[in-house]
Amino acid sequence: MEKNRLNEFRNAVDSLNVKSGAPDRDKLYQRLGAILMISGIVLAFVAYFVAGAQNSGDLTVDNIEHNEHIILAICGVSIAVVGAAMFIKFGITRFMRFWLIRKIYEDGKS
């Protein structure tokens, strides 16, 4: 019963000739967003802990290096935020595309 309904749904979607956008591209961008999110978090933590471990004895040099690492940590957080936004945007896009096709199919059937 379920396989019959699934095959009927697939055939109906194929007959609609709906341009799907590029679901493979959305999946690629969603994965890229996840990679950016994880790498940004790792970069931020590494830069923050390296900045905290600075101790050469010269306070001026330590402050300059500390500030450089804090800026790098802020860039890592920015990368993580952009990656999270990409991940969420393309994940929702894929879901909404499926939902819309399903809704069109159900409305056309009744």
C-alpha atoms as a PDB file:
ATOM      1  CA  MET A   1       0.000   0.000   0.000  1.00  0.00           C
ATOM      2  CA  GLU A   2       2.731   2.464   1.021  1.00  0.00           C
ATOM      3  CA  LYS A   3       4.952   1.613  -1.960  1.00  0.00           C
ATOM      4  CA  ASN A   4       1.981   2.041  -4.267  1.00  0.00           C
ATOM      5  CA  ARG A   5       1.270   5.521  -2.855  1.00  0.00           C
ATOM      6  CA  LEU A   6       4.955   6.434  -3.047  1.00  0.00           C
ATOM      7  CA  ASN A   7       5.195   5.351  -6.686  1.00  0.00           C
ATOM      8  CA  GLU A   8       1.979   7.229  -7.467  1.00  0.00           C
ATOM      9  CA  PHE A   9       3.410  10.365  -5.827  1.00  0.00           C
ATOM     10  CA  ARG A  10       6.676  10.092  -7.769  1.00  0.00           C
ATOM     11  CA  ASN A  11       4.848   9.620 -11.050  1.00  0.00           C
ATOM     12  CA  ALA A  12       2.612  12.603 -10.320  1.00  0.00           C
ATOM     13  CA  VAL A  13       5.614  14.801  -9.460  1.00  0.00           C
ATOM     14  CA  ASP A  14       7.360  13.744 -12.658  1.00  0.00           C
ATOM     15  CA  SER A  15       4.249  14.579 -14.658  1.00  0.00           C
ATOM     16  CA  LEU A  16       4.078  18.093 -13.156  1.00  0.00           C
ATOM     17  CA  ASN A  17       7.298  19.090 -14.975  1.00  0.00           C
ATOM     18  CA  VAL A  18       8.201  21.358 -12.073  1.00  0.00           C
ATOM     19  CA  LYS A  19      11.617  22.952 -12.307  1.00  0.00           C
ATOM     20  CA  SER A  20      13.216  21.852  -9.085  1.00  0.00           C
ATOM     21  CA  GLY A  21      15.836  24.575  -8.831  1.00  0.00           C
ATOM     22  CA  ALA A  22      18.963  22.624  -8.092  1.00  0.00           C
ATOM     23  CA  PRO A  23      18.516  20.340  -5.122  1.00  0.00           C
ATOM     24  CA  ASP A  24      22.059  19.018  -5.511  1.00  0.00           C
ATOM     25  CA  ARG A  25      23.402  22.552  -5.303  1.00  0.00           C
ATOM     26  CA  ASP A  26      21.320  23.193  -2.182  1.00  0.00           C
ATOM     27  CA  LYS A  27      22.725  20.058  -0.586  1.00  0.00           C
ATOM     28  CA  LEU A  28      26.253  21.177  -1.502  1.00  0.00           C
ATOM     29  CA  TYR A  29      25.708  24.634   0.014  1.00  0.00           C
ATOM     30  CA  GLN A  30      24.167  23.115   3.126  1.00  0.00           C
ATOM     31  CA  ARG A  31      27.244  20.922   3.599  1.00  0.00           C
ATOM     32  CA  LEU A  32      29.513  23.914   2.935  1.00  0.00           C
ATOM     33  CA  GLY A  33      27.612  25.835   5.607  1.00  0.00           C
ATOM     34  CA  ALA A  34      28.123  22.991   8.091  1.00  0.00           C
ATOM     35  CA  ILE A  35      31.845  22.872   7.292  1.00  0.00           C
ATOM     36  CA  LEU A  36      32.164  26.652   7.698  1.00  0.00           C
ATOM     37  CA  MET A  37      30.256  26.523  10.978  1.00  0.00           C
ATOM     38  CA  ILE A  38      32.499  23.818  12.440  1.00  0.00           C
ATOM     39  CA  SER A  39      35.746  25.311  11.151  1.00  0.00           C
ATOM     40  CA  GLY A  40      34.797  28.777  12.431  1.00  0.00           C
ATOM     41  CA  ILE A  41      34.138  27.406  15.903  1.00  0.00           C
ATOM     42  CA  VAL A  42      37.437  25.489  15.899  1.00  0.00           C
ATOM     43  CA  LEU A  43      39.330  28.571  14.675  1.00  0.00           C
ATOM     44  CA  ALA A  44      37.767  30.751  17.362  1.00  0.00           C
ATOM     45  CA  PHE A  45      38.614  28.350  20.190  1.00  0.00           C
ATOM     46  CA  VAL A  46      42.176  27.755  18.990  1.00  0.00           C
ATOM     47  CA  ALA A  47      42.864  31.479  18.577  1.00  0.00           C
ATOM     48  CA  TYR A  48      41.335  32.274  21.967  1.00  0.00           C
ATOM     49  CA  PHE A  49      43.375  29.662  23.823  1.00  0.00           C
ATOM     50  CA  VAL A  50      46.590  30.621  22.005  1.00  0.00           C
ATOM     51  CA  ALA A  51      45.953  34.261  22.934  1.00  0.00           C
ATOM     52  CA  GLY A  52      45.581  33.273  26.573  1.00  0.00           C
ATOM     53  CA  ALA A  53      48.838  31.309  26.518  1.00  0.00           C
ATOM     54  CA  GLN A  54      50.966  34.277  25.385  1.00  0.00           C
ATOM     55  CA  ASN A  55      53.697  34.978  27.913  1.00  0.00           C
ATOM     56  CA  SER A  56      57.039  36.102  26.518  1.00  0.00           C
ATOM     57  CA  GLY A  57      57.857  38.409  29.402  1.00  0.00           C
ATOM     58  CA  ASP A  58      57.564  41.594  27.347  1.00  0.00           C
ATOM     59  CA  LEU A  59      54.140  43.100  28.064  1.00  0.00           C
ATOM     60  CA  THR A  60      54.026  45.188  24.867  1.00  0.00           C
ATOM     61  CA  VAL A  61      54.701  42.212  22.593  1.00  0.00           C
ATOM     62  CA  ASP A  62      52.235  40.061  24.532  1.00  0.00           C
ATOM     63  CA  ASN A  63      49.479  42.662  24.161  1.00  0.00           C
ATOM     64  CA  ILE A  64      50.024  42.985  20.406  1.00  0.00           C
ATOM     65  CA  GLU A  65      50.020  39.214  19.872  1.00  0.00           C
ATOM     66  CA  HIS A  66      47.065  38.828  22.217  1.00  0.00           C
ATOM     67  CA  ASN A  67      45.055  41.377  20.227  1.00  0.00           C
ATOM     68  CA  GLU A  68      45.939  39.660  16.935  1.00  0.00           C
ATOM     69  CA  HIS A  69      44.675  36.335  18.236  1.00  0.00           C
ATOM     70  CA  ILE A  70      41.497  37.881  19.623  1.00  0.00           C
ATOM     71  CA  ILE A  71      40.792  39.417  16.183  1.00  0.00           C
ATOM     72  CA  LEU A  72      41.353  35.976  14.653  1.00  0.00           C
ATOM     73  CA  ALA A  73      38.905  34.489  17.181  1.00  0.00           C
ATOM     74  CA  ILE A  74      36.309  37.116  16.235  1.00  0.00           C
ATOM     75  CA  CYS A  75      36.803  36.217  12.553  1.00  0.00           C
ATOM     76  CA  GLY A  76      36.256  32.562  13.485  1.00  0.00           C
ATOM     77  CA  VAL A  77      32.976  33.440  15.193  1.00  0.00           C
ATOM     78  CA  SER A  78      31.929  35.423  12.116  1.00  0.00           C
ATOM     79  CA  ILE A  79      32.701  32.454   9.865  1.00  0.00           C
ATOM     80  CA  ALA A  80      30.677  30.202  12.178  1.00  0.00           C
ATOM     81  CA  VAL A  81      27.687  32.572  12.037  1.00  0.00           C
ATOM     82  CA  VAL A  82      27.803  32.737   8.229  1.00  0.00           C
ATOM     83  CA  GLY A  83      28.094  28.937   8.063  1.00  0.00           C
ATOM     84  CA  ALA A  84      25.133  28.490  10.408  1.00  0.00           C
ATOM     85  CA  ALA A  85      23.036  30.890   8.326  1.00  0.00           C
ATOM     86  CA  MET A  86      23.916  28.995   5.133  1.00  0.00           C
ATOM     87  CA  PHE A  87      23.172  25.644   6.766  1.00  0.00           C
ATOM     88  CA  ILE A  88      19.779  26.755   8.028  1.00  0.00           C
ATOM     89  CA  LYS A  89      18.791  28.609   4.843  1.00  0.00           C
ATOM     90  CA  PHE A  90      19.532  25.752   2.459  1.00  0.00           C
ATOM     91  CA  GLY A  91      18.112  23.142   4.844  1.00  0.00           C
ATOM     92  CA  ILE A  92      14.826  25.017   5.019  1.00  0.00           C
ATOM     93  CA  THR A  93      14.878  25.536   1.239  1.00  0.00           C
ATOM     94  CA  ARG A  94      15.151  21.795   0.620  1.00  0.00           C
ATOM     95  CA  PHE A  95      12.360  21.053   3.089  1.00  0.00           C
ATOM     96  CA  MET A  96      10.042  23.728   1.701  1.00  0.00           C
ATOM     97  CA  ARG A  97      10.584  22.508  -1.867  1.00  0.00           C
ATOM     98  CA  PHE A  98       9.509  19.003  -0.834  1.00  0.00           C
ATOM     99  CA  TRP A  99       6.583  20.362   1.166  1.00  0.00           C
ATOM    100  CA  LEU A 100       5.363  22.517  -1.744  1.00  0.00           C
ATOM    101  CA  ILE A 101       5.497  19.655  -4.240  1.00  0.00           C
ATOM    102  CA  ARG A 102       3.647  17.421  -1.786  1.00  0.00           C
ATOM    103  CA  LYS A 103       1.018  20.117  -1.201  1.00  0.00           C
ATOM    104  CA  ILE A 104       0.517  20.636  -4.946  1.00  0.00           C
ATOM    105  CA  TYR A 105       0.125  16.897  -5.388  1.00  0.00           C
ATOM    106  CA  GLU A 106      -2.442  16.586  -2.589  1.00  0.00           C
ATOM    107  CA  ASP A 107      -4.440  19.612  -3.785  1.00  0.00           C
ATOM    108  CA  GLY A 108      -4.488  18.336  -7.345  1.00  0.00           C
ATOM    109  CA  LYS A 109      -5.668  14.929  -6.232  1.00  0.00           C
ATOM    110  CA  SER A 110      -8.756  16.199  -4.414  1.00  0.00           C
END
